[in-house]
Amino acid sequence: YSWVFNEFPSFVIEDSRRFISQETGNLYISKVQTSDVGSYICLVKNTVTNARVLSPPTPLTLRNDGVMGEYEPKIEVHFPYTVTAAKGTTVKMECFALGK
């Protein structure tokens, strides 16, 4: 999964505020800033056939009224019951803390 920001070929780069889940394809942005405002398109690539599919654009706007929804804190974990890996390989497990 990857995300295009505003127009191709401007891709979202993962950093301390942006994360793309390779499990779900979701894009997570913490501490949204004015520079994050724009249109986001998800791009999914089949690594076997190199086929690509684009989502419709999703606009991100900032609220000016200062009203935030009330979100109870929760932790989302989607770990399989068992993770098996060969010695020396990389294993990535995703855990997200959400809330206000």
N, C-alpha and C. Protein backbone atom coordinates (compact mmCIF):
# COMPACT_ATOMS: atom_id res chain seq x y z
N TYR A 1 0.84 -1.18 0.00
CA TYR A 1 0.00 0.00 0.00
C TYR A 1 0.88 1.24 0.00
N SER A 2 0.42 2.24 -0.71
CA SER A 2 1.05 3.56 -0.61
C SER A 2 -0.05 4.59 -0.80
N TRP A 3 0.25 5.82 -0.45
CA TRP A 3 -0.73 6.91 -0.55
C TRP A 3 -0.13 8.06 -1.35
N VAL A 4 -0.93 8.59 -2.27
CA VAL A 4 -0.56 9.76 -3.06
C VAL A 4 -1.16 10.97 -2.38
N PHE A 5 -0.37 12.03 -2.23
CA PHE A 5 -0.85 13.27 -1.62
C PHE A 5 -1.01 14.33 -2.69
N ASN A 6 -2.22 14.78 -2.91
CA ASN A 6 -2.62 15.80 -3.88
C ASN A 6 -2.51 15.33 -5.33
N GLU A 7 -1.35 14.98 -5.81
CA GLU A 7 -1.26 14.50 -7.19
C GLU A 7 -0.03 13.62 -7.37
N PHE A 8 -0.15 12.69 -8.29
CA PHE A 8 0.96 11.78 -8.61
C PHE A 8 2.10 12.60 -9.18
N PRO A 9 3.34 12.39 -8.85
CA PRO A 9 3.91 11.33 -8.04
C PRO A 9 4.28 11.75 -6.63
N SER A 10 3.49 12.59 -6.01
CA SER A 10 3.77 13.04 -4.65
C SER A 10 3.22 12.02 -3.64
N PHE A 11 4.09 11.13 -3.16
CA PHE A 11 3.68 10.08 -2.24
C PHE A 11 3.85 10.52 -0.79
N VAL A 12 2.98 10.02 0.07
CA VAL A 12 3.11 10.25 1.52
C VAL A 12 4.34 9.49 1.99
N ILE A 13 5.23 10.17 2.67
CA ILE A 13 6.44 9.57 3.22
C ILE A 13 6.20 9.30 4.71
N GLU A 14 6.44 8.06 5.13
CA GLU A 14 6.27 7.74 6.54
C GLU A 14 7.35 8.45 7.36
N ASP A 15 6.92 9.00 8.48
CA ASP A 15 7.85 9.67 9.39
C ASP A 15 7.28 9.54 10.80
N SER A 16 7.68 10.43 11.70
CA SER A 16 7.21 10.32 13.09
C SER A 16 5.72 10.64 13.24
N ARG A 17 5.10 11.27 12.24
CA ARG A 17 3.67 11.60 12.29
C ARG A 17 2.81 10.77 11.35
N ARG A 18 3.40 10.16 10.35
CA ARG A 18 2.64 9.44 9.32
C ARG A 18 3.04 7.97 9.29
N PHE A 19 2.01 7.10 9.24
CA PHE A 19 2.27 5.67 9.19
C PHE A 19 1.26 5.02 8.25
N ILE A 20 1.73 4.13 7.38
CA ILE A 20 0.86 3.38 6.48
C ILE A 20 0.89 1.92 6.92
N SER A 21 -0.27 1.41 7.32
CA SER A 21 -0.36 0.02 7.74
C SER A 21 -0.30 -0.88 6.52
N GLN A 22 0.67 -1.77 6.47
CA GLN A 22 0.75 -2.73 5.37
C GLN A 22 -0.18 -3.92 5.62
N GLU A 23 -0.81 -3.93 6.79
CA GLU A 23 -1.81 -4.96 7.10
C GLU A 23 -3.18 -4.55 6.55
N THR A 24 -3.55 -3.28 6.74
CA THR A 24 -4.88 -2.81 6.35
C THR A 24 -4.87 -1.80 5.22
N GLY A 25 -3.74 -1.16 4.98
CA GLY A 25 -3.67 -0.09 4.00
C GLY A 25 -4.03 1.27 4.57
N ASN A 26 -4.44 1.31 5.83
CA ASN A 26 -4.85 2.58 6.45
C ASN A 26 -3.67 3.53 6.58
N LEU A 27 -3.97 4.82 6.39
CA LEU A 27 -3.00 5.88 6.61
C LEU A 27 -3.33 6.54 7.94
N TYR A 28 -2.35 6.63 8.82
CA TYR A 28 -2.53 7.27 10.12
C TYR A 28 -1.67 8.52 10.16
N ILE A 29 -2.28 9.64 10.57
CA ILE A 29 -1.55 10.90 10.71
C ILE A 29 -1.81 11.41 12.12
N SER A 30 -0.75 11.64 12.87
CA SER A 30 -0.91 12.21 14.21
C SER A 30 -0.60 13.70 14.14
N LYS A 31 -1.20 14.44 15.04
CA LYS A 31 -0.96 15.89 15.14
C LYS A 31 -1.11 16.56 13.77
N VAL A 32 -2.31 16.45 13.19
CA VAL A 32 -2.58 16.99 11.85
C VAL A 32 -2.23 18.47 11.80
N GLN A 33 -1.57 18.85 10.73
CA GLN A 33 -1.13 20.23 10.52
C GLN A 33 -1.75 20.78 9.23
N THR A 34 -1.69 22.09 9.06
CA THR A 34 -2.21 22.72 7.85
C THR A 34 -1.58 22.13 6.60
N SER A 35 -0.31 21.75 6.67
CA SER A 35 0.37 21.18 5.51
C SER A 35 -0.16 19.80 5.13
N ASP A 36 -0.96 19.17 6.00
CA ASP A 36 -1.56 17.87 5.71
C ASP A 36 -2.86 17.99 4.92
N VAL A 37 -3.41 19.20 4.84
CA VAL A 37 -4.67 19.41 4.14
C VAL A 37 -4.48 19.15 2.65
N GLY A 38 -5.40 18.39 2.08
CA GLY A 38 -5.32 18.09 0.66
C GLY A 38 -6.11 16.84 0.33
N SER A 39 -5.79 16.26 -0.80
CA SER A 39 -6.48 15.08 -1.30
C SER A 39 -5.55 13.87 -1.20
N TYR A 40 -6.08 12.75 -0.70
CA TYR A 40 -5.31 11.53 -0.52
C TYR A 40 -5.91 10.41 -1.36
N ILE A 41 -5.06 9.69 -2.09
CA ILE A 41 -5.48 8.56 -2.91
C ILE A 41 -4.64 7.36 -2.52
N CYS A 42 -5.33 6.25 -2.21
CA CYS A 42 -4.63 5.01 -1.85
C CYS A 42 -4.27 4.26 -3.13
N LEU A 43 -3.03 3.81 -3.21
CA LEU A 43 -2.57 3.02 -4.34
C LEU A 43 -2.18 1.64 -3.83
N VAL A 44 -2.79 0.62 -4.42
CA VAL A 44 -2.49 -0.77 -4.03
C VAL A 44 -1.81 -1.43 -5.23
N LYS A 45 -0.67 -2.05 -4.97
CA LYS A 45 0.09 -2.71 -6.04
C LYS A 45 0.22 -4.20 -5.72
N ASN A 46 -0.14 -5.02 -6.70
CA ASN A 46 0.05 -6.47 -6.59
C ASN A 46 1.51 -6.74 -6.95
N THR A 47 2.29 -7.21 -6.00
CA THR A 47 3.72 -7.39 -6.24
C THR A 47 4.03 -8.55 -7.18
N VAL A 48 3.06 -9.44 -7.43
CA VAL A 48 3.27 -10.56 -8.34
C VAL A 48 3.02 -10.13 -9.79
N THR A 49 1.88 -9.46 -10.03
CA THR A 49 1.52 -9.08 -11.40
C THR A 49 1.86 -7.63 -11.74
N ASN A 50 2.23 -6.84 -10.74
CA ASN A 50 2.49 -5.40 -10.88
C ASN A 50 1.25 -4.61 -11.25
N ALA A 51 0.06 -5.23 -11.13
CA ALA A 51 -1.19 -4.50 -11.36
C ALA A 51 -1.38 -3.48 -10.25
N ARG A 52 -1.95 -2.33 -10.59
CA ARG A 52 -2.17 -1.27 -9.61
C ARG A 52 -3.63 -0.82 -9.63
N VAL A 53 -4.14 -0.47 -8.47
CA VAL A 53 -5.50 0.04 -8.35
C VAL A 53 -5.45 1.29 -7.48
N LEU A 54 -6.17 2.33 -7.91
CA LEU A 54 -6.23 3.58 -7.17
C LEU A 54 -7.62 3.76 -6.56
N SER A 55 -7.66 4.27 -5.34
CA SER A 55 -8.94 4.59 -4.71
C SER A 55 -9.42 5.94 -5.22
N PRO A 56 -10.69 6.25 -4.98
CA PRO A 56 -11.14 7.62 -5.23
C PRO A 56 -10.43 8.57 -4.27
N PRO A 57 -10.29 9.84 -4.62
CA PRO A 57 -9.64 10.79 -3.71
C PRO A 57 -10.46 11.00 -2.43
N THR A 58 -9.74 11.13 -1.32
CA THR A 58 -10.35 11.43 -0.03
C THR A 58 -9.78 12.76 0.45
N PRO A 59 -10.63 13.79 0.58
CA PRO A 59 -10.11 15.09 1.03
C PRO A 59 -9.91 15.12 2.54
N LEU A 60 -8.85 15.79 2.96
CA LEU A 60 -8.61 16.06 4.38
C LEU A 60 -8.70 17.57 4.56
N THR A 61 -9.61 17.99 5.44
CA THR A 61 -9.76 19.41 5.74
C THR A 61 -9.63 19.60 7.25
N LEU A 62 -9.35 20.81 7.66
CA LEU A 62 -9.26 21.14 9.09
C LEU A 62 -10.52 21.86 9.52
N ARG A 63 -10.99 21.54 10.71
CA ARG A 63 -12.14 22.25 11.26
C ARG A 63 -11.66 23.56 11.87
N ASN A 64 -12.42 24.60 11.66
CA ASN A 64 -12.07 25.91 12.22
C ASN A 64 -12.82 26.22 13.50
N ASP A 65 -13.83 25.39 13.84
CA ASP A 65 -14.64 25.69 15.01
C ASP A 65 -14.06 25.14 16.31
N GLY A 66 -12.94 24.42 16.21
CA GLY A 66 -12.28 23.90 17.40
C GLY A 66 -12.98 22.71 18.01
N VAL A 67 -14.06 22.22 17.39
CA VAL A 67 -14.82 21.10 17.95
C VAL A 67 -14.18 19.79 17.51
N MET A 68 -13.83 18.99 18.46
CA MET A 68 -13.30 17.66 18.18
C MET A 68 -14.31 16.67 18.71
N GLY A 69 -14.46 15.58 18.04
CA GLY A 69 -15.33 14.52 18.55
C GLY A 69 -14.74 13.95 19.82
N GLU A 70 -15.57 13.35 20.62
CA GLU A 70 -15.08 12.71 21.84
C GLU A 70 -14.72 11.27 21.50
N TYR A 71 -13.49 10.93 21.68
CA TYR A 71 -13.01 9.59 21.37
C TYR A 71 -12.44 8.98 22.64
N GLU A 72 -13.08 7.93 23.11
CA GLU A 72 -12.55 7.28 24.30
C GLU A 72 -11.24 6.59 23.94
N PRO A 73 -10.26 6.66 24.81
CA PRO A 73 -8.97 6.03 24.52
C PRO A 73 -9.12 4.52 24.35
N LYS A 74 -8.41 3.97 23.38
CA LYS A 74 -8.40 2.53 23.18
C LYS A 74 -7.12 2.15 22.45
N ILE A 75 -6.77 0.90 22.55
CA ILE A 75 -5.61 0.38 21.84
C ILE A 75 -6.12 -0.69 20.89
N GLU A 76 -5.75 -0.56 19.61
CA GLU A 76 -6.14 -1.54 18.61
C GLU A 76 -4.94 -2.42 18.30
N VAL A 77 -5.13 -3.71 18.47
CA VAL A 77 -4.06 -4.66 18.20
C VAL A 77 -4.63 -5.74 17.29
N HIS A 78 -3.93 -6.05 16.24
CA HIS A 78 -4.37 -7.08 15.30
C HIS A 78 -3.28 -8.12 15.11
N PHE A 79 -2.78 -8.65 16.22
CA PHE A 79 -1.72 -9.65 16.13
C PHE A 79 -2.33 -11.02 15.87
N PRO A 80 -1.71 -11.81 15.03
CA PRO A 80 -2.13 -13.20 14.93
C PRO A 80 -1.80 -13.91 16.24
N TYR A 81 -2.46 -15.03 16.50
CA TYR A 81 -2.24 -15.74 17.75
C TYR A 81 -0.78 -16.18 17.87
N THR A 82 -0.18 -16.63 16.75
CA THR A 82 1.21 -17.06 16.74
C THR A 82 1.92 -16.40 15.56
N VAL A 83 3.11 -15.92 15.80
CA VAL A 83 3.94 -15.38 14.73
C VAL A 83 5.17 -16.27 14.61
N THR A 84 5.38 -16.84 13.42
CA THR A 84 6.53 -17.68 13.17
C THR A 84 7.46 -16.95 12.22
N ALA A 85 8.74 -16.93 12.54
CA ALA A 85 9.71 -16.23 11.69
C ALA A 85 11.02 -16.99 11.69
N ALA A 86 11.71 -16.91 10.57
CA ALA A 86 13.04 -17.51 10.48
C ALA A 86 14.04 -16.61 11.20
N LYS A 87 15.04 -17.22 11.79
CA LYS A 87 16.07 -16.47 12.50
C LYS A 87 16.72 -15.47 11.55
N GLY A 88 16.87 -14.24 12.02
CA GLY A 88 17.52 -13.20 11.24
C GLY A 88 16.58 -12.42 10.34
N THR A 89 15.28 -12.80 10.27
CA THR A 89 14.34 -12.05 9.45
C THR A 89 13.69 -10.95 10.28
N THR A 90 13.01 -10.03 9.61
CA THR A 90 12.33 -8.93 10.27
C THR A 90 10.86 -9.27 10.43
N VAL A 91 10.32 -9.03 11.62
CA VAL A 91 8.90 -9.22 11.89
C VAL A 91 8.34 -7.87 12.29
N LYS A 92 7.20 -7.49 11.68
CA LYS A 92 6.57 -6.22 11.99
C LYS A 92 5.18 -6.50 12.57
N MET A 93 4.93 -5.99 13.79
CA MET A 93 3.63 -6.11 14.42
C MET A 93 3.12 -4.70 14.69
N GLU A 94 1.84 -4.48 14.40
CA GLU A 94 1.28 -3.14 14.50
C GLU A 94 0.36 -3.01 15.72
N CYS A 95 0.52 -1.91 16.42
CA CYS A 95 -0.31 -1.61 17.58
C CYS A 95 -0.57 -0.10 17.56
N PHE A 96 -1.82 0.31 17.71
CA PHE A 96 -2.15 1.73 17.65
C PHE A 96 -2.89 2.15 18.90
N ALA A 97 -2.48 3.26 19.46
CA ALA A 97 -3.21 3.87 20.57
C ALA A 97 -3.99 5.04 19.99
N LEU A 98 -5.28 5.04 20.21
CA LEU A 98 -6.15 6.07 19.68
C LEU A 98 -6.90 6.74 20.82
N GLY A 99 -7.27 7.99 20.65
CA GLY A 99 -8.12 8.61 21.64
C GLY A 99 -7.75 10.04 21.93
N LYS A 100 -8.54 10.62 22.80
CA LYS A 100 -8.34 12.02 23.18
C LYS A 100 -8.34 12.10 24.68
